Amino acid sequence: SEGGSASVVFLNAGQGYFVQELPFVLKLKKFHIEHYSTGMPKLFA
Protein backbone atom coordinates (compact mmCIF):
# COMPACT_ATOMS: atom_id res chain seq x y z
CA SER A 1 0.00 0.00 0.00
CA GLU A 2 1.11 3.60 -0.41
CA GLY A 3 3.52 4.26 2.41
CA GLY A 4 4.05 0.54 3.06
CA SER A 5 7.37 -1.30 2.88
CA ALA A 6 8.64 -4.88 2.73
CA SER A 7 11.93 -6.72 3.17
CA VAL A 8 10.60 -10.15 2.15
CA VAL A 9 8.60 -11.69 -0.67
CA PHE A 10 6.51 -14.83 -0.67
CA LEU A 11 7.20 -17.76 -2.98
CA ASN A 12 4.36 -20.15 -3.73
CA ALA A 13 5.39 -23.74 -3.03
CA GLY A 14 2.58 -26.16 -3.71
CA GLN A 15 0.27 -26.32 -0.72
CA GLY A 16 2.35 -23.75 1.17
CA TYR A 17 4.87 -20.98 0.71
CA PHE A 18 8.42 -19.85 1.49
CA VAL A 19 9.48 -16.47 2.81
CA GLN A 20 12.35 -15.08 0.76
CA GLU A 21 14.52 -12.53 2.56
CA LEU A 22 15.56 -9.52 0.49
CA PRO A 23 18.93 -7.73 0.75
CA PHE A 24 17.08 -4.39 1.01
CA VAL A 25 13.83 -2.75 2.08
CA LEU A 26 11.40 -1.70 -0.64
CA LYS A 27 8.98 1.16 0.14
CA LEU A 28 6.13 2.41 -2.05
CA LYS A 29 5.88 6.20 -1.93
CA LYS A 30 3.17 6.83 -4.52
CA PHE A 31 1.26 4.86 -7.12
CA HIS A 32 0.25 6.54 -10.38
CA ILE A 33 -2.38 5.41 -12.85
CA GLU A 34 -3.70 6.97 -16.04
CA HIS A 35 -6.82 5.90 -17.90
CA TYR A 36 -8.17 6.10 -21.41
CA SER A 37 -11.45 7.89 -21.99
CA THR A 38 -13.23 4.54 -21.65
CA GLY A 39 -11.77 4.07 -18.19
CA MET A 40 -9.35 1.31 -19.20
CA PRO A 41 -5.87 1.59 -17.62
CA LYS A 42 -3.42 3.39 -19.88
CA LEU A 43 -0.32 3.57 -17.71
CA PHE A 44 0.54 2.64 -14.16
CA ALA A 45 3.79 3.21 -12.32
ModelCIF file with pLDDT and N, C-alpha, C, O atoms, coordinates in Angstrom:
data_MODEL
#
_entry.id   MODEL 
#
_entity.id                         1 
_entity.type                       polymer 
_entity.pdbx_number_of_molecules   1 
#
_entity_poly.entity_id                      1 
_entity_poly.type                           'polypeptide(L)' 
_entity_poly.nstd_linkage                   no 
_entity_poly.nstd_monomer                   no 
_entity_poly.pdbx_seq_one_letter_code       SEGGSASVVFLNAGQGYFVQELPFVLKLKKFHIEHYSTGMPKLFA 
_entity_poly.pdbx_seq_one_letter_code_can   SEGGSASVVFLNAGQGYFVQELPFVLKLKKFHIEHYSTGMPKLFA 
_entity_poly.pdbx_strand_id                 A 
#
loop_
_entity_poly_seq.entity_id 
_entity_poly_seq.num 
_entity_poly_seq.mon_id 
_entity_poly_seq.hetero 
1 1  SER n 
1 2  GLU n 
1 3  GLY n 
1 4  GLY n 
1 5  SER n 
1 6  ALA n 
1 7  SER n 
1 8  VAL n 
1 9  VAL n 
1 10 PHE n 
1 11 LEU n 
1 12 ASN n 
1 13 ALA n 
1 14 GLY n 
1 15 GLN n 
1 16 GLY n 
1 17 TYR n 
1 18 PHE n 
1 19 VAL n 
1 20 GLN n 
1 21 GLU n 
1 22 LEU n 
1 23 PRO n 
1 24 PHE n 
1 25 VAL n 
1 26 LEU n 
1 27 LYS n 
1 28 LEU n 
1 29 LYS n 
1 30 LYS n 
1 31 PHE n 
1 32 HIS n 
1 33 ILE n 
1 34 GLU n 
1 35 HIS n 
1 36 TYR n 
1 37 SER n 
1 38 THR n 
1 39 GLY n 
1 40 MET n 
1 41 PRO n 
1 42 LYS n 
1 43 LEU n 
1 44 PHE n 
1 45 ALA n 
#
_struct_asym.id          A 
_struct_asym.entity_id   1 
#
loop_
_ma_qa_metric.id 
_ma_qa_metric.mode 
_ma_qa_metric.name 
_ma_qa_metric.software_group_id 
_ma_qa_metric.type 
1 global pLDDT . pLDDT 
2 local  pLDDT . pLDDT 
#
_ma_qa_metric_global.metric_id      1 
_ma_qa_metric_global.metric_value   87.44 
_ma_qa_metric_global.model_id       1 
_ma_qa_metric_global.ordinal_id     1 
#
loop_
_ma_qa_metric_local.label_asym_id 
_ma_qa_metric_local.label_comp_id 
_ma_qa_metric_local.label_seq_id 
_ma_qa_metric_local.metric_id 
_ma_qa_metric_local.metric_value 
_ma_qa_metric_local.model_id 
_ma_qa_metric_local.ordinal_id 
A SER 1  2 92.00 1 1  
A GLU 2  2 91.00 1 2  
A GLY 3  2 91.00 1 3  
A GLY 4  2 92.00 1 4  
A SER 5  2 93.00 1 5  
A ALA 6  2 93.00 1 6  
A SER 7  2 93.00 1 7  
A VAL 8  2 93.00 1 8  
A VAL 9  2 93.00 1 9  
A PHE 10 2 90.00 1 10 
A LEU 11 2 88.00 1 11 
A ASN 12 2 83.00 1 12 
A ALA 13 2 82.00 1 13 
A GLY 14 2 76.00 1 14 
A GLN 15 2 79.00 1 15 
A GLY 16 2 85.00 1 16 
A TYR 17 2 89.00 1 17 
A PHE 18 2 91.00 1 18 
A VAL 19 2 92.00 1 19 
A GLN 20 2 92.00 1 20 
A GLU 21 2 93.00 1 21 
A LEU 22 2 94.00 1 22 
A PRO 23 2 93.00 1 23 
A PHE 24 2 95.00 1 24 
A VAL 25 2 95.00 1 25 
A LEU 26 2 96.00 1 26 
A LYS 27 2 96.00 1 27 
A LEU 28 2 95.00 1 28 
A LYS 29 2 94.00 1 29 
A LYS 30 2 93.00 1 30 
A PHE 31 2 93.00 1 31 
A HIS 32 2 91.00 1 32 
A ILE 33 2 87.00 1 33 
A GLU 34 2 84.00 1 34 
A HIS 35 2 77.00 1 35 
A TYR 36 2 78.00 1 36 
A SER 37 2 70.00 1 37 
A THR 38 2 66.00 1 38 
A GLY 39 2 66.00 1 39 
A MET 40 2 73.00 1 40 
A PRO 41 2 79.00 1 41 
A LYS 42 2 82.00 1 42 
A LEU 43 2 86.00 1 43 
A PHE 44 2 88.00 1 44 
A ALA 45 2 93.00 1 45 
#
loop_
_atom_site.group_PDB 
_atom_site.id 
_atom_site.type_symbol 
_atom_site.label_atom_id 
_atom_site.label_alt_id 
_atom_site.label_comp_id 
_atom_site.label_asym_id 
_atom_site.label_entity_id 
_atom_site.label_seq_id 
_atom_site.pdbx_PDB_ins_code 
_atom_site.Cartn_x 
_atom_site.Cartn_y 
_atom_site.Cartn_z 
_atom_site.occupancy 
_atom_site.B_iso_or_equiv 
_atom_site.pdbx_formal_charge 
_atom_site.auth_seq_id 
_atom_site.auth_comp_id 
_atom_site.auth_asym_id 
_atom_site.auth_atom_id 
_atom_site.pdbx_PDB_model_num 
ATOM 1   N N  . SER A 1 1  ? 0.848   -1.180  0.000   1.00 92.00 ? 1  SER A N  1 
ATOM 2   C CA . SER A 1 1  ? 0.000   0.000   0.000   1.00 92.00 ? 1  SER A CA 1 
ATOM 3   C C  . SER A 1 1  ? 0.890   1.238   0.000   1.00 92.00 ? 1  SER A C  1 
ATOM 4   O O  . SER A 1 1  ? 2.061   1.166   0.372   1.00 92.00 ? 1  SER A O  1 
ATOM 5   N N  . GLU A 1 2  ? 0.339   2.363   -0.414  1.00 91.00 ? 2  GLU A N  1 
ATOM 6   C CA . GLU A 1 2  ? 1.114   3.603   -0.414  1.00 91.00 ? 2  GLU A CA 1 
ATOM 7   C C  . GLU A 1 2  ? 1.609   3.889   1.002   1.00 91.00 ? 2  GLU A C  1 
ATOM 8   O O  . GLU A 1 2  ? 0.829   3.949   1.953   1.00 91.00 ? 2  GLU A O  1 
ATOM 9   N N  . GLY A 1 3  ? 2.908   4.062   1.115   1.00 91.00 ? 3  GLY A N  1 
ATOM 10  C CA . GLY A 1 3  ? 3.522   4.264   2.414   1.00 91.00 ? 3  GLY A CA 1 
ATOM 11  C C  . GLY A 1 3  ? 4.000   2.979   3.057   1.00 91.00 ? 3  GLY A C  1 
ATOM 12  O O  . GLY A 1 3  ? 4.694   3.027   4.072   1.00 91.00 ? 3  GLY A O  1 
ATOM 13  N N  . GLY A 1 4  ? 3.650   1.829   2.497   1.00 92.00 ? 4  GLY A N  1 
ATOM 14  C CA . GLY A 1 4  ? 4.054   0.544   3.056   1.00 92.00 ? 4  GLY A CA 1 
ATOM 15  C C  . GLY A 1 4  ? 5.414   0.111   2.552   1.00 92.00 ? 4  GLY A C  1 
ATOM 16  O O  . GLY A 1 4  ? 5.889   0.611   1.532   1.00 92.00 ? 4  GLY A O  1 
ATOM 17  N N  . SER A 1 5  ? 6.047   -0.818  3.258   1.00 93.00 ? 5  SER A N  1 
ATOM 18  C CA . SER A 1 5  ? 7.372   -1.302  2.882   1.00 93.00 ? 5  SER A CA 1 
ATOM 19  C C  . SER A 1 5  ? 7.446   -2.800  3.152   1.00 93.00 ? 5  SER A C  1 
ATOM 20  O O  . SER A 1 5  ? 6.615   -3.355  3.870   1.00 93.00 ? 5  SER A O  1 
ATOM 21  N N  . ALA A 1 6  ? 8.453   -3.447  2.565   1.00 93.00 ? 6  ALA A N  1 
ATOM 22  C CA . ALA A 1 6  ? 8.639   -4.884  2.732   1.00 93.00 ? 6  ALA A CA 1 
ATOM 23  C C  . ALA A 1 6  ? 10.106  -5.221  2.554   1.00 93.00 ? 6  ALA A C  1 
ATOM 24  O O  . ALA A 1 6  ? 10.804  -4.602  1.750   1.00 93.00 ? 6  ALA A O  1 
ATOM 25  N N  . SER A 1 7  ? 10.568  -6.206  3.308   1.00 93.00 ? 7  SER A N  1 
ATOM 26  C CA . SER A 1 7  ? 11.934  -6.722  3.171   1.00 93.00 ? 7  SER A CA 1 
ATOM 27  C C  . SER A 1 7  ? 11.920  -8.210  2.834   1.00 93.00 ? 7  SER A C  1 
ATOM 28  O O  . SER A 1 7  ? 12.965  -8.860  2.840   1.00 93.00 ? 7  SER A O  1 
ATOM 29  N N  . VAL A 1 8  ? 10.734  -8.750  2.539   1.00 93.00 ? 8  VAL A N  1 
ATOM 30  C CA . VAL A 1 8  ? 10.599  -10.153 2.154   1.00 93.00 ? 8  VAL A CA 1 
ATOM 31  C C  . VAL A 1 8  ? 9.571   -10.249 1.027   1.00 93.00 ? 8  VAL A C  1 
ATOM 32  O O  . VAL A 1 8  ? 8.749   -9.354  0.830   1.00 93.00 ? 8  VAL A O  1 
ATOM 33  N N  . VAL A 1 9  ? 9.643   -11.346 0.305   1.00 93.00 ? 9  VAL A N  1 
ATOM 34  C CA . VAL A 1 9  ? 8.601   -11.687 -0.666  1.00 93.00 ? 9  VAL A CA 1 
ATOM 35  C C  . VAL A 1 9  ? 8.190   -13.127 -0.391  1.00 93.00 ? 9  VAL A C  1 
ATOM 36  O O  . VAL A 1 9  ? 8.905   -13.878 0.272   1.00 93.00 ? 9  VAL A O  1 
ATOM 37  N N  . PHE A 1 10 ? 7.048   -13.489 -0.903  1.00 90.00 ? 10 PHE A N  1 
ATOM 38  C CA . PHE A 1 10 ? 6.507   -14.833 -0.669  1.00 90.00 ? 10 PHE A CA 1 
ATOM 39  C C  . PHE A 1 10 ? 6.577   -15.637 -1.966  1.00 90.00 ? 10 PHE A C  1 
ATOM 40  O O  . PHE A 1 10 ? 6.187   -15.169 -3.036  1.00 90.00 ? 10 PHE A O  1 
ATOM 41  N N  . LEU A 1 11 ? 7.084   -16.855 -1.835  1.00 88.00 ? 11 LEU A N  1 
ATOM 42  C CA . LEU A 1 11 ? 7.202   -17.759 -2.975  1.00 88.00 ? 11 LEU A CA 1 
ATOM 43  C C  . LEU A 1 11 ? 6.201   -18.892 -2.809  1.00 88.00 ? 11 LEU A C  1 
ATOM 44  O O  . LEU A 1 11 ? 6.241   -19.622 -1.819  1.00 88.00 ? 11 LEU A O  1 
ATOM 45  N N  . ASN A 1 12 ? 5.299   -19.039 -3.782  1.00 83.00 ? 12 ASN A N  1 
ATOM 46  C CA . ASN A 1 12 ? 4.356   -20.149 -3.735  1.00 83.00 ? 12 ASN A CA 1 
ATOM 47  C C  . ASN A 1 12 ? 5.111   -21.470 -3.854  1.00 83.00 ? 12 ASN A C  1 
ATOM 48  O O  . ASN A 1 12 ? 6.010   -21.611 -4.683  1.00 83.00 ? 12 ASN A O  1 
ATOM 49  N N  . ALA A 1 13 ? 4.736   -22.427 -3.023  1.00 82.00 ? 13 ALA A N  1 
ATOM 50  C CA . ALA A 1 13 ? 5.393   -23.740 -3.032  1.00 82.00 ? 13 ALA A CA 1 
ATOM 51  C C  . ALA A 1 13 ? 4.346   -24.812 -2.785  1.00 82.00 ? 13 ALA A C  1 
ATOM 52  O O  . ALA A 1 13 ? 4.230   -25.342 -1.681  1.00 82.00 ? 13 ALA A O  1 
ATOM 53  N N  . GLY A 1 14 ? 3.589   -25.122 -3.822  1.00 76.00 ? 14 GLY A N  1 
ATOM 54  C CA . GLY A 1 14 ? 2.576   -26.161 -3.710  1.00 76.00 ? 14 GLY A CA 1 
ATOM 55  C C  . GLY A 1 14 ? 1.481   -25.778 -2.739  1.00 76.00 ? 14 GLY A C  1 
ATOM 56  O O  . GLY A 1 14 ? 0.801   -24.770 -2.929  1.00 76.00 ? 14 GLY A O  1 
ATOM 57  N N  . GLN A 1 15 ? 1.309   -26.578 -1.699  1.00 79.00 ? 15 GLN A N  1 
ATOM 58  C CA . GLN A 1 15 ? 0.266   -26.321 -0.715  1.00 79.00 ? 15 GLN A CA 1 
ATOM 59  C C  . GLN A 1 15 ? 0.655   -25.224 0.270   1.00 79.00 ? 15 GLN A C  1 
ATOM 60  O O  . GLN A 1 15 ? -0.176  -24.802 1.075   1.00 79.00 ? 15 GLN A O  1 
ATOM 61  N N  . GLY A 1 16 ? 1.894   -24.756 0.223   1.00 85.00 ? 16 GLY A N  1 
ATOM 62  C CA . GLY A 1 16 ? 2.351   -23.752 1.172   1.00 85.00 ? 16 GLY A CA 1 
ATOM 63  C C  . GLY A 1 16 ? 3.138   -22.650 0.482   1.00 85.00 ? 16 GLY A C  1 
ATOM 64  O O  . GLY A 1 16 ? 2.898   -22.315 -0.677  1.00 85.00 ? 16 GLY A O  1 
ATOM 65  N N  . TYR A 1 17 ? 4.089   -22.097 1.234   1.00 89.00 ? 17 TYR A N  1 
ATOM 66  C CA . TYR A 1 17 ? 4.874   -20.978 0.712   1.00 89.00 ? 17 TYR A CA 1 
ATOM 67  C C  . TYR A 1 17 ? 6.187   -20.883 1.478   1.00 89.00 ? 17 TYR A C  1 
ATOM 68  O O  . TYR A 1 17 ? 6.317   -21.393 2.591   1.00 89.00 ? 17 TYR A O  1 
ATOM 69  N N  . PHE A 1 18 ? 7.166   -20.209 0.848   1.00 91.00 ? 18 PHE A N  1 
ATOM 70  C CA . PHE A 1 18 ? 8.418   -19.850 1.492   1.00 91.00 ? 18 PHE A CA 1 
ATOM 71  C C  . PHE A 1 18 ? 8.489   -18.341 1.626   1.00 91.00 ? 18 PHE A C  1 
ATOM 72  O O  . PHE A 1 18 ? 7.902   -17.603 0.835   1.00 91.00 ? 18 PHE A O  1 
ATOM 73  N N  . VAL A 1 19 ? 9.214   -17.897 2.637   1.00 92.00 ? 19 VAL A N  1 
ATOM 74  C CA . VAL A 1 19 ? 9.485   -16.471 2.810   1.00 92.00 ? 19 VAL A CA 1 
ATOM 75  C C  . VAL A 1 19 ? 10.911  -16.215 2.345   1.00 92.00 ? 19 VAL A C  1 
ATOM 76  O O  . VAL A 1 19 ? 11.867  -16.746 2.911   1.00 92.00 ? 19 VAL A O  1 
ATOM 77  N N  . GLN A 1 20 ? 11.041  -15.401 1.317   1.00 92.00 ? 20 GLN A N  1 
ATOM 78  C CA . GLN A 1 20 ? 12.352  -15.079 0.761   1.00 92.00 ? 20 GLN A CA 1 
ATOM 79  C C  . GLN A 1 20 ? 12.829  -13.739 1.312   1.00 92.00 ? 20 GLN A C  1 
ATOM 80  O O  . GLN A 1 20 ? 12.202  -12.705 1.083   1.00 92.00 ? 20 GLN A O  1 
ATOM 81  N N  . GLU A 1 21 ? 13.943  -13.769 2.041   1.00 93.00 ? 21 GLU A N  1 
ATOM 82  C CA . GLU A 1 21 ? 14.523  -12.535 2.558   1.00 93.00 ? 21 GLU A CA 1 
ATOM 83  C C  . GLU A 1 21 ? 15.129  -11.724 1.409   1.00 93.00 ? 21 GLU A C  1 
ATOM 84  O O  . GLU A 1 21 ? 15.720  -12.282 0.485   1.00 93.00 ? 21 GLU A O  1 
ATOM 85  N N  . LEU A 1 22 ? 14.971  -10.409 1.485   1.00 94.00 ? 22 LEU A N  1 
ATOM 86  C CA . LEU A 1 22 ? 15.559  -9.516  0.494   1.00 94.00 ? 22 LEU A CA 1 
ATOM 87  C C  . LEU A 1 22 ? 16.783  -8.827  1.084   1.00 94.00 ? 22 LEU A C  1 
ATOM 88  O O  . LEU A 1 22 ? 16.856  -8.638  2.298   1.00 94.00 ? 22 LEU A O  1 
ATOM 89  N N  . PRO A 1 23 ? 17.748  -8.448  0.246   1.00 93.00 ? 23 PRO A N  1 
ATOM 90  C CA . PRO A 1 23 ? 18.929  -7.734  0.754   1.00 93.00 ? 23 PRO A CA 1 
ATOM 91  C C  . PRO A 1 23 ? 18.689  -6.235  0.945   1.00 93.00 ? 23 PRO A C  1 
ATOM 92  O O  . PRO A 1 23 ? 19.636  -5.479  1.155   1.00 93.00 ? 23 PRO A O  1 
ATOM 93  N N  . PHE A 1 24 ? 17.423  -5.802  0.873   1.00 95.00 ? 24 PHE A N  1 
ATOM 94  C CA . PHE A 1 24 ? 17.083  -4.388  1.006   1.00 95.00 ? 24 PHE A CA 1 
ATOM 95  C C  . PHE A 1 24 ? 15.643  -4.266  1.470   1.00 95.00 ? 24 PHE A C  1 
ATOM 96  O O  . PHE A 1 24 ? 14.935  -5.266  1.589   1.00 95.00 ? 24 PHE A O  1 
ATOM 97  N N  . VAL A 1 25 ? 15.215  -3.049  1.728   1.00 95.00 ? 25 VAL A N  1 
ATOM 98  C CA . VAL A 1 25 ? 13.826  -2.753  2.085   1.00 95.00 ? 25 VAL A CA 1 
ATOM 99  C C  . VAL A 1 25 ? 13.218  -1.929  0.953   1.00 95.00 ? 25 VAL A C  1 
ATOM 100 O O  . VAL A 1 25 ? 13.766  -0.899  0.559   1.00 95.00 ? 25 VAL A O  1 
ATOM 101 N N  . LEU A 1 26 ? 12.098  -2.385  0.441   1.00 96.00 ? 26 LEU A N  1 
ATOM 102 C CA . LEU A 1 26 ? 11.401  -1.700  -0.645  1.00 96.00 ? 26 LEU A CA 1 
ATOM 103 C C  . LEU A 1 26 ? 10.195  -0.959  -0.078  1.00 96.00 ? 26 LEU A C  1 
ATOM 104 O O  . LEU A 1 26 ? 9.367   -1.557  0.608   1.00 96.00 ? 26 LEU A O  1 
ATOM 105 N N  . LYS A 1 27 ? 10.091  0.343   -0.361  1.00 96.00 ? 27 LYS A N  1 
ATOM 106 C CA . LYS A 1 27 ? 8.982   1.160   0.142   1.00 96.00 ? 27 LYS A CA 1 
ATOM 107 C C  . LYS A 1 27 ? 8.275   1.834   -1.028  1.00 96.00 ? 27 LYS A C  1 
ATOM 108 O O  . LYS A 1 27 ? 8.915   2.412   -1.906  1.00 96.00 ? 27 LYS A O  1 
ATOM 109 N N  . LEU A 1 28 ? 6.940   1.753   -1.026  1.00 95.00 ? 28 LEU A N  1 
ATOM 110 C CA . LEU A 1 28 ? 6.128   2.410   -2.051  1.00 95.00 ? 28 LEU A CA 1 
ATOM 111 C C  . LEU A 1 28 ? 5.742   3.806   -1.567  1.00 95.00 ? 28 LEU A C  1 
ATOM 112 O O  . LEU A 1 28 ? 5.028   3.955   -0.576  1.00 95.00 ? 28 LEU A O  1 
ATOM 113 N N  . LYS A 1 29 ? 6.224   4.824   -2.278  1.00 94.00 ? 29 LYS A N  1 
ATOM 114 C CA . LYS A 1 29 ? 5.878   6.197   -1.926  1.00 94.00 ? 29 LYS A CA 1 
ATOM 115 C C  . LYS A 1 29 ? 4.533   6.606   -2.531  1.00 94.00 ? 29 LYS A C  1 
ATOM 116 O O  . LYS A 1 29 ? 3.658   7.115   -1.831  1.00 94.00 ? 29 LYS A O  1 
ATOM 117 N N  . LYS A 1 30 ? 4.381   6.379   -3.827  1.00 93.00 ? 30 LYS A N  1 
ATOM 118 C CA . LYS A 1 30 ? 3.172   6.830   -4.520  1.00 93.00 ? 30 LYS A CA 1 
ATOM 119 C C  . LYS A 1 30 ? 2.923   5.936   -5.715  1.00 93.00 ? 30 LYS A C  1 
ATOM 120 O O  . LYS A 1 30 ? 3.854   5.530   -6.412  1.00 93.00 ? 30 LYS A O  1 
ATOM 121 N N  . PHE A 1 31 ? 1.649   5.632   -5.946  1.00 93.00 ? 31 PHE A N  1 
ATOM 122 C CA . PHE A 1 31 ? 1.265   4.861   -7.121  1.00 93.00 ? 31 PHE A CA 1 
ATOM 123 C C  . PHE A 1 31 ? 0.509   5.772   -8.075  1.00 93.00 ? 31 PHE A C  1 
ATOM 124 O O  . PHE A 1 31 ? -0.375  6.524   -7.665  1.00 93.00 ? 31 PHE A O  1 
ATOM 125 N N  . HIS A 1 32 ? 0.865   5.695   -9.352  1.00 91.00 ? 32 HIS A N  1 
ATOM 126 C CA . HIS A 1 32 ? 0.246   6.538   -10.378 1.00 91.00 ? 32 HIS A CA 1 
ATOM 127 C C  . HIS A 1 32 ? -0.481  5.656   -11.387 1.00 91.00 ? 32 HIS A C  1 
ATOM 128 O O  . HIS A 1 32 ? -0.003  4.586   -11.763 1.00 91.00 ? 32 HIS A O  1 
ATOM 129 N N  . ILE A 1 33 ? -1.636  6.128   -11.810 1.00 87.00 ? 33 ILE A N  1 
ATOM 130 C CA . ILE A 1 33 ? -2.376  5.408   -12.846 1.00 87.00 ? 33 ILE A CA 1 
ATOM 131 C C  . ILE A 1 33 ? -3.076  6.416   -13.747 1.00 87.00 ? 33 ILE A C  1 
ATOM 132 O O  . ILE A 1 33 ? -3.653  7.398   -13.280 1.00 87.00 ? 33 ILE A O  1 
ATOM 133 N N  . GLU A 1 34 ? -3.012  6.153   -15.048 1.00 84.00 ? 34 GLU A N  1 
ATOM 134 C CA . GLU A 1 34 ? -3.703  6.968   -16.040 1.00 84.00 ? 34 GLU A CA 1 
ATOM 135 C C  . GLU A 1 34 ? -4.676  6.071   -16.801 1.00 84.00 ? 34 GLU A C  1 
ATOM 136 O O  . GLU A 1 34 ? -4.431  4.880   -16.988 1.00 84.00 ? 34 GLU A O  1 
ATOM 137 N N  . HIS A 1 35 ? -5.782  6.670   -17.233 1.00 77.00 ? 35 HIS A N  1 
ATOM 138 C CA . HIS A 1 35 ? -6.822  5.897   -17.901 1.00 77.00 ? 35 HIS A CA 1 
ATOM 139 C C  . HIS A 1 35 ? -7.146  6.499   -19.269 1.00 77.00 ? 35 HIS A C  1 
ATOM 140 O O  . HIS A 1 35 ? -6.989  7.697   -19.500 1.00 77.00 ? 35 HIS A O  1 
ATOM 141 N N  . TYR A 1 36 ? -7.599  5.629   -20.157 1.00 78.00 ? 36 TYR A N  1 
ATOM 142 C CA . TYR A 1 36 ? -8.174  6.095   -21.413 1.00 78.00 ? 36 TYR A CA 1 
ATOM 143 C C  . TYR A 1 36 ? -9.552  6.690   -21.139 1.00 78.00 ? 36 TYR A C  1 
ATOM 144 O O  . TYR A 1 36 ? -10.063 6.613   -20.021 1.00 78.00 ? 36 TYR A O  1 
ATOM 145 N N  . SER A 1 37 ? -10.133 7.272   -22.154 1.00 70.00 ? 37 SER A N  1 
ATOM 146 C CA . SER A 1 37 ? -11.452 7.888   -21.988 1.00 70.00 ? 37 SER A CA 1 
ATOM 147 C C  . SER A 1 37 ? -12.516 6.854   -21.621 1.00 70.00 ? 37 SER A C  1 
ATOM 148 O O  . SER A 1 37 ? -13.534 7.191   -21.017 1.00 70.00 ? 37 SER A O  1 
ATOM 149 N N  . THR A 1 38 ? -12.276 5.598   -21.988 1.00 66.00 ? 38 THR A N  1 
ATOM 150 C CA . THR A 1 38 ? -13.228 4.536   -21.652 1.00 66.00 ? 38 THR A CA 1 
ATOM 151 C C  . THR A 1 38 ? -13.092 4.085   -20.204 1.00 66.00 ? 38 THR A C  1 
ATOM 152 O O  . THR A 1 38 ? -13.945 3.360   -19.691 1.00 66.00 ? 38 THR A O  1 
ATOM 153 N N  . GLY A 1 39 ? -12.017 4.514   -19.545 1.00 66.00 ? 39 GLY A N  1 
ATOM 154 C CA . GLY A 1 39 ? -11.769 4.074   -18.186 1.00 66.00 ? 39 GLY A CA 1 
ATOM 155 C C  . GLY A 1 39 ? -10.765 2.945   -18.086 1.00 66.00 ? 39 GLY A C  1 
ATOM 156 O O  . GLY A 1 39 ? -10.368 2.573   -16.982 1.00 66.00 ? 39 GLY A O  1 
ATOM 157 N N  . MET A 1 40 ? -10.339 2.385   -19.227 1.00 73.00 ? 40 MET A N  1 
ATOM 158 C CA . MET A 1 40 ? -9.346  1.314   -19.203 1.00 73.00 ? 40 MET A CA 1 
ATOM 159 C C  . MET A 1 40 ? -7.992  1.874   -18.796 1.00 73.00 ? 40 MET A C  1 
ATOM 160 O O  . MET A 1 40 ? -7.657  2.998   -19.169 1.00 73.00 ? 40 MET A O  1 
ATOM 161 N N  . PRO A 1 41 ? -7.195  1.105   -18.028 1.00 79.00 ? 41 PRO A N  1 
ATOM 162 C CA . PRO A 1 41 ? -5.874  1.591   -17.618 1.00 79.00 ? 41 PRO A CA 1 
ATOM 163 C C  . PRO A 1 41 ? -4.980  1.852   -18.828 1.00 79.00 ? 41 PRO A C  1 
ATOM 164 O O  . PRO A 1 41 ? -4.890  1.031   -19.741 1.00 79.00 ? 41 PRO A O  1 
ATOM 165 N N  . LYS A 1 42 ? -4.330  2.997   -18.817 1.00 82.00 ? 42 LYS A N  1 
ATOM 166 C CA . LYS A 1 42 ? -3.420  3.390   -19.882 1.00 82.00 ? 42 LYS A CA 1 
ATOM 167 C C  . LYS A 1 42 ? -1.976  3.239   -19.451 1.00 82.00 ? 42 LYS A C  1 
ATOM 168 O O  . LYS A 1 42 ? -1.142  2.763   -20.221 1.00 82.00 ? 42 LYS A O  1 
ATOM 169 N N  . LEU A 1 43 ? -1.676  3.637   -18.237 1.00 86.00 ? 43 LEU A N  1 
ATOM 170 C CA . LEU A 1 43 ? -0.321  3.567   -17.713 1.00 86.00 ? 43 LEU A CA 1 
ATOM 171 C C  . LEU A 1 43 ? -0.392  3.475   -16.203 1.00 86.00 ? 43 LEU A C  1 
ATOM 172 O O  . LEU A 1 43 ? -1.189  4.172   -15.576 1.00 86.00 ? 43 LEU A O  1 
ATOM 173 N N  . PHE A 1 44 ? 0.428   2.627   -15.612 1.00 88.00 ? 44 PHE A N  1 
ATOM 174 C CA . PHE A 1 44 ? 0.540   2.638   -14.162 1.00 88.00 ? 44 PHE A CA 1 
ATOM 175 C C  . PHE A 1 44 ? 1.999   2.447   -13.773 1.00 88.00 ? 44 PHE A C  1 
ATOM 176 O O  . PHE A 1 44 ? 2.731   1.664   -14.380 1.00 88.00 ? 44 PHE A O  1 
ATOM 177 N N  . ALA A 1 45 ? 2.398   3.187   -12.740 1.00 93.00 ? 45 ALA A N  1 
ATOM 178 C CA . ALA A 1 45 ? 3.792   3.206   -12.320 1.00 93.00 ? 45 ALA A CA 1 
ATOM 179 C C  . ALA A 1 45 ? 3.851   3.451   -10.821 1.00 93.00 ? 45 ALA A C  1 
ATOM 180 O O  . ALA A 1 45 ? 4.938   3.506   -10.246 1.00 93.00 ? 45 ALA A O  1 
#
